[in-house]
Protein backbone atom coordinates (compact mmCIF):
# COMPACT_ATOMS: atom_id res chain seq x y z
CA MET A 1 -10.70 -1.02 -14.73
CA PRO A 2 -7.92 -3.44 -15.95
CA ASN A 3 -5.21 -3.91 -13.34
CA SER A 4 -2.95 -6.84 -12.61
CA THR A 5 -3.66 -6.65 -8.89
CA VAL A 6 -7.52 -7.08 -9.28
CA ALA A 7 -8.53 -10.61 -8.24
CA ARG A 8 -8.92 -13.12 -10.90
CA ALA A 9 -12.48 -14.62 -11.12
CA GLY A 10 -12.88 -17.31 -8.52
CA GLU A 11 -9.45 -16.56 -6.79
CA ASN A 12 -9.75 -16.88 -2.91
CA PRO A 13 -8.86 -13.41 -1.32
CA ASP A 14 -7.03 -15.23 1.48
CA ALA A 15 -5.04 -17.32 -1.07
CA ARG A 16 -4.23 -14.12 -2.96
CA ARG A 17 -2.92 -12.33 0.11
CA SER A 18 -0.80 -15.47 1.07
CA LYS A 19 0.60 -15.64 -2.37
CA ARG A 20 1.45 -11.95 -2.49
CA GLY A 21 3.11 -12.30 1.00
CA LEU A 22 5.34 -15.12 -0.24
CA ILE A 23 6.37 -13.06 -3.26
CA GLU A 24 7.15 -10.06 -1.05
CA ARG A 25 9.33 -12.13 1.31
CA ALA A 26 11.04 -13.64 -1.74
CA ALA A 27 11.63 -10.25 -3.20
CA GLY A 28 13.16 -9.00 -0.14
CA LEU A 29 15.75 -11.85 -0.04
CA LEU A 30 16.53 -11.04 -3.69
CA GLY A 31 17.29 -7.39 -2.98
CA GLY A 32 16.96 -4.97 -5.88
CA PHE A 33 16.04 -7.72 -8.39
CA GLY A 34 13.29 -8.98 -6.14
CA ALA A 35 11.77 -5.45 -5.89
CA ARG A 36 11.81 -5.19 -9.68
CA LEU A 37 10.15 -8.62 -9.84
CA LEU A 38 7.43 -7.66 -7.30
CA ASP A 39 6.72 -4.48 -9.52
CA VAL A 40 6.07 -6.70 -12.41
CA VAL A 41 3.85 -9.26 -10.61
CA TYR A 42 2.16 -6.65 -8.50
CA PRO A 43 2.63 -3.06 -9.92
CA PRO A 44 2.53 -0.47 -6.98
CA ILE A 45 -0.89 1.24 -6.56
CA CYS A 46 -2.16 3.83 -4.11
CA LEU A 47 -3.13 2.49 -0.74
CA VAL A 48 -6.43 4.29 -0.84
CA CYS A 49 -7.69 4.52 -4.38
CA ARG A 50 -5.71 1.85 -6.17
CA ARG A 51 -4.25 4.38 -8.81
CA ALA A 52 -0.79 3.62 -10.10
CA VAL A 53 1.98 5.13 -7.98
CA ALA A 54 5.69 5.00 -8.00
CA SER A 55 6.49 2.56 -5.23
CA HIS A 56 4.72 0.02 -2.95
CA GLY A 57 3.12 1.46 0.20
CA ALA A 58 2.61 4.96 -1.30
CA VAL A 59 -0.32 7.22 -1.65
CA CYS A 60 -1.27 9.13 -4.91
CA PRO A 61 -0.98 12.86 -4.81
CA ARG A 62 -4.68 13.35 -4.86
CA CYS A 63 -5.37 11.04 -1.89
CA TRP A 64 -2.29 12.50 -0.14
CA GLY A 65 -3.92 15.96 -0.23
CA GLU A 66 -7.16 14.70 1.18
CA MET A 67 -5.70 12.41 3.99
CA GLY A 68 -6.24 15.12 6.65
CA PHE A 69 -2.77 14.96 8.18
CA ILE A 70 -2.50 16.65 11.51
CA GLU A 71 0.31 19.16 11.87
CA ARG A 72 1.17 21.98 14.18
CA PRO A 73 -0.50 24.09 15.66
CA TYR A 74 -2.20 21.61 17.84
CA CYS A 75 -3.05 21.11 21.47
CA GLU A 76 0.11 19.85 23.20
CA ARG A 77 -1.85 17.46 25.43
CA LEU A 78 -4.49 16.01 23.20
CA GLY A 79 -2.88 16.55 19.73
CA THR A 80 -6.15 18.16 18.39
CA PRO A 81 -5.35 20.72 15.72
CA PHE A 82 -6.00 24.48 16.21
CA ASP A 83 -7.55 26.55 13.46
CA ARG A 84 -5.12 29.21 13.94
CA GLU A 85 -1.65 29.83 15.37
CA PHE A 86 -1.01 30.06 19.08
CA SER A 87 1.90 30.38 21.31
CA PRO A 88 4.09 27.12 21.59
CA GLY A 89 2.81 24.78 24.37
CA MET A 90 -0.73 25.88 24.31
CA ILE A 91 -3.36 23.40 25.34
CA SER A 92 -7.12 23.29 24.18
CA LEU A 93 -10.03 24.24 26.45
CA GLU A 94 -11.02 20.53 26.32
CA ALA A 95 -7.61 19.50 27.83
CA ALA A 96 -7.77 22.22 30.49
CA ALA A 97 -11.35 21.43 31.57
CA ASP A 98 -10.97 17.60 31.54
CA PRO A 99 -7.18 16.69 31.55
CA PRO A 100 -6.50 13.33 30.31
CA ALA A 101 -4.68 10.60 32.30
CA PHE A 102 -1.85 10.47 29.70
CA SER A 103 0.61 13.32 29.15
CA ARG A 104 0.46 13.83 25.43
CA ALA A 105 -1.25 12.28 22.41
CA ARG A 106 -0.20 12.41 18.89
CA ALA A 107 -1.90 11.19 15.61
CA VAL A 108 -1.11 11.00 11.97
CA ALA A 109 -4.48 12.14 10.49
CA ARG A 110 -7.99 13.15 11.31
CA TYR A 111 -10.47 10.35 11.45
CA ASP A 112 -13.06 12.45 9.86
CA SER A 113 -11.10 12.34 6.59
CA ASP A 114 -12.67 9.81 4.36
CA ARG A 115 -9.21 8.66 3.03
CA ALA A 116 -7.63 8.25 6.52
CA ARG A 117 -10.79 6.46 7.91
CA SER A 118 -10.82 4.05 4.97
CA LEU A 119 -7.36 2.90 5.73
CA ALA A 120 -8.14 2.50 9.43
CA HIS A 121 -11.15 0.36 8.63
CA ARG A 122 -9.48 -1.77 6.15
CA LEU A 123 -6.55 -2.55 8.72
CA LYS A 124 -9.08 -3.16 11.63
CA TYR A 125 -12.00 -4.92 10.03
CA TYR A 126 -10.97 -6.29 6.71
CA ASP A 127 -7.99 -8.35 7.47
CA ARG A 128 -5.56 -5.99 5.70
CA SER A 129 -2.64 -6.49 8.04
CA GLU A 130 -0.15 -5.47 5.30
CA LEU A 131 -1.38 -1.81 5.84
CA ALA A 132 0.37 -1.82 9.38
CA ASP A 133 3.68 -1.29 7.68
CA PRO A 134 2.89 2.05 5.92
CA LEU A 135 0.65 3.41 8.70
CA GLY A 136 3.18 2.39 11.45
CA ARG A 137 5.99 4.31 9.50
CA TRP A 138 3.68 7.46 9.42
CA MET A 139 2.98 7.11 13.07
CA ALA A 140 6.70 6.79 13.84
CA ARG A 141 7.19 10.17 12.13
CA ALA A 142 4.08 11.80 13.66
CA GLY A 143 5.19 10.62 17.16
CA ALA A 144 8.90 11.41 16.93
CA GLU A 145 8.89 13.78 19.91
CA LEU A 146 7.29 11.10 22.03
CA LEU A 147 9.56 8.31 20.82
CA CYS A 148 12.86 10.23 21.33
CA ASP A 149 12.87 9.56 25.08
CA ALA A 150 10.44 6.59 25.29
CA ASP A 151 11.53 3.42 27.02
CA LEU A 152 8.82 1.01 25.92
CA LEU A 153 5.83 0.82 23.43
CA VAL A 154 2.62 -0.86 24.78
CA PRO A 155 -0.11 -1.61 22.34
CA ILE A 156 -3.68 -1.56 23.52
CA PRO A 157 -4.73 -5.25 23.80
CA LEU A 158 -7.80 -6.92 22.49
CA HIS A 159 -9.98 -9.23 24.70
CA ARG A 160 -9.24 -12.83 23.85
CA THR A 161 -12.67 -13.45 22.24
CA ARG A 162 -12.18 -10.52 19.85
CA LEU A 163 -8.64 -11.41 19.04
CA ILE A 164 -9.86 -14.99 17.99
CA ALA A 165 -12.50 -13.35 15.79
CA ARG A 166 -10.23 -10.84 14.14
CA ARG A 167 -7.20 -13.11 14.13
CA PHE A 168 -4.66 -10.24 14.85
CA ASN A 169 -4.40 -7.14 16.88
CA GLN A 170 -4.04 -4.11 14.75
CA SER A 171 -2.49 -2.09 17.52
CA ALA A 172 0.16 -4.66 18.30
CA ALA A 173 0.91 -4.86 14.51
CA LEU A 174 1.36 -1.08 14.36
CA ALA A 175 3.55 -1.07 17.49
CA HIS A 176 5.97 -3.60 16.06
CA VAL A 177 6.40 -1.29 12.88
CA ILE A 178 6.98 1.64 15.12
CA SER A 179 9.44 -0.21 17.07
CA ARG A 180 11.44 -1.15 13.93
CA GLU A 181 11.45 2.40 12.89
CA SER A 182 12.36 3.92 16.26
CA ALA A 183 14.31 1.30 18.05
CA VAL A 184 12.04 1.65 21.07
CA PRO A 185 11.20 -1.94 22.20
CA VAL A 186 7.65 -3.11 22.24
CA GLU A 187 5.92 -5.32 24.95
CA ALA A 188 2.78 -6.49 23.48
CA ARG A 189 1.75 -8.59 26.58
CA ALA A 190 2.29 -5.99 29.30
CA LEU A 191 -1.49 -5.13 29.51
CA GLU A 192 -4.30 -7.67 29.46
CA ARG A 193 -7.88 -6.86 28.41
CA VAL A 194 -9.99 -8.63 31.07
CA LYS A 195 -13.34 -7.10 30.35
CA PRO A 196 -14.99 -7.92 26.95
CA THR A 197 -16.27 -4.35 26.48
CA PRO A 198 -19.08 -3.96 23.95
CA PRO A 199 -18.57 -1.68 20.94
CA GLN A 200 -18.25 2.10 21.93
CA VAL A 201 -19.97 3.33 18.78
CA GLY A 202 -23.07 5.46 19.72
CA LEU A 203 -22.19 5.87 23.30
CA THR A 204 -21.62 9.26 24.95
CA ARG A 205 -18.33 10.25 26.48
CA GLY A 206 -19.48 9.36 29.97
CA GLN A 207 -20.83 6.03 28.81
CA ARG A 208 -17.58 5.16 27.03
CA ALA A 209 -15.70 5.98 30.21
CA ALA A 210 -17.90 3.81 32.40
CA ASN A 211 -17.63 0.96 29.74
CA MET A 212 -13.99 0.91 30.09
CA GLN A 213 -13.68 0.81 33.86
CA GLY A 214 -11.86 -2.25 34.94
CA ALA A 215 -11.20 -3.25 31.37
CA PHE A 216 -7.35 -3.60 31.72
CA ARG A 217 -4.93 -5.04 34.07
CA LEU A 218 -1.14 -5.18 34.08
CA ARG A 219 0.37 -8.61 34.13
CA GLU A 220 2.23 -9.17 37.29
CA GLU A 221 5.41 -10.39 35.70
CA LYS A 222 5.60 -7.21 33.57
CA LYS A 223 5.48 -4.69 36.45
CA PRO A 224 9.31 -4.30 36.65
CA LEU A 225 9.22 -3.25 32.96
CA ILE A 226 6.99 -0.32 33.75
CA GLU A 227 8.07 1.22 37.01
CA GLY A 228 10.01 4.39 36.28
CA ARG A 229 9.75 4.15 32.56
CA ASN A 230 8.38 6.47 29.82
CA ILE A 231 5.68 4.45 28.28
CA VAL A 232 3.99 5.11 24.73
CA LEU A 233 0.64 3.59 24.33
CA VAL A 234 -0.18 2.51 20.72
CA ASP A 235 -3.66 2.33 19.29
CA ASP A 236 -5.23 2.74 15.94
CA VAL A 237 -7.85 5.34 16.53
CA LEU A 238 -8.50 7.79 19.42
CA THR A 239 -12.12 8.70 19.77
CA SER A 240 -13.13 10.08 23.22
CA GLY A 241 -9.95 8.99 24.84
CA ALA A 242 -11.78 6.56 27.31
CA THR A 243 -9.78 3.48 26.21
CA VAL A 244 -6.29 5.02 26.35
CA ASN A 245 -7.25 6.88 29.62
CA ALA A 246 -8.20 3.47 31.26
CA ALA A 247 -5.03 1.89 29.96
CA ALA A 248 -2.80 4.81 31.04
CA ARG A 249 -4.23 4.78 34.55
CA VAL A 250 -3.24 1.17 34.92
CA LEU A 251 0.41 1.88 33.82
CA LEU A 252 0.44 4.96 36.12
CA ARG A 253 -0.57 2.89 39.10
CA ALA A 254 2.23 0.64 38.34
CA ARG A 255 4.40 3.79 38.75
CA ALA A 256 5.24 4.44 35.18
CA ALA A 257 7.16 7.66 35.01
CA ARG A 258 5.03 9.09 31.99
CA VAL A 259 2.44 7.68 29.58
CA ASP A 260 2.00 9.21 26.24
CA VAL A 261 -0.30 7.97 23.35
CA LEU A 262 0.46 7.59 19.71
CA VAL A 263 -2.35 6.61 17.33
CA TYR A 264 -2.87 6.59 13.45
CA ALA A 265 -6.05 8.63 13.53
CA ARG A 266 -8.10 10.71 15.99
CA VAL A 267 -11.54 12.08 16.15
CA VAL A 268 -11.46 15.87 15.97
CA VAL A 269 -14.38 17.43 17.84
CA GLN A 270 -15.52 20.56 16.24
CA SER A 271 -16.21 23.49 18.60
């Protein structure tokens, strides 16, 4: 399909991304003229399917309808959607039977949506760091009730070996965008991942929890930032909750007043 955004034969993908980044920064400095120039060089396309759209960072109507956005009614603790209306403040059976360490979790979309999962994978595994901006803006809207009285954003850290392999922490990138949108400061170095946990894929809920025991610690010099504060943990995907629960417990032991969780996508377990 002819499109000016498709790579030219032999063009290095990293070089192409670098070139686009330079053009986008120049466009920002040039204001409206720069935006029009960017549209000429890189016409706006859907984040998911690459169809033409009206503006950069947008999703076409078809993909928007298939994103699996999470809206009320949902469990007030876990943020998982209900299939019918309940009284305000209701929590799910899962939250009642096994309460999480955190107070509330909110997510933009269901991870079982192909469209939402595709964006999460591109950000996390395919070096598409530019996706942090639109996804972070969606997260700021989805988590508005958490952010309105939050004192600090704390992204889930990567172990140093994984950070070297991936070159950037997607959760920190999302947190910085949320901070820009909400004016809540971010402290990307509050938590340290000290245990190089193996991938969680294929593990049971219990195995995931055991895998994450002792995975995080709070940097000593950051403790004054945490005590008595309302903290929002930021991550890209919430699956069983083992990762954010482990991180939340560390923050609560440091006397955080409350810990909430904000993610781009979450797995929804069907009953």
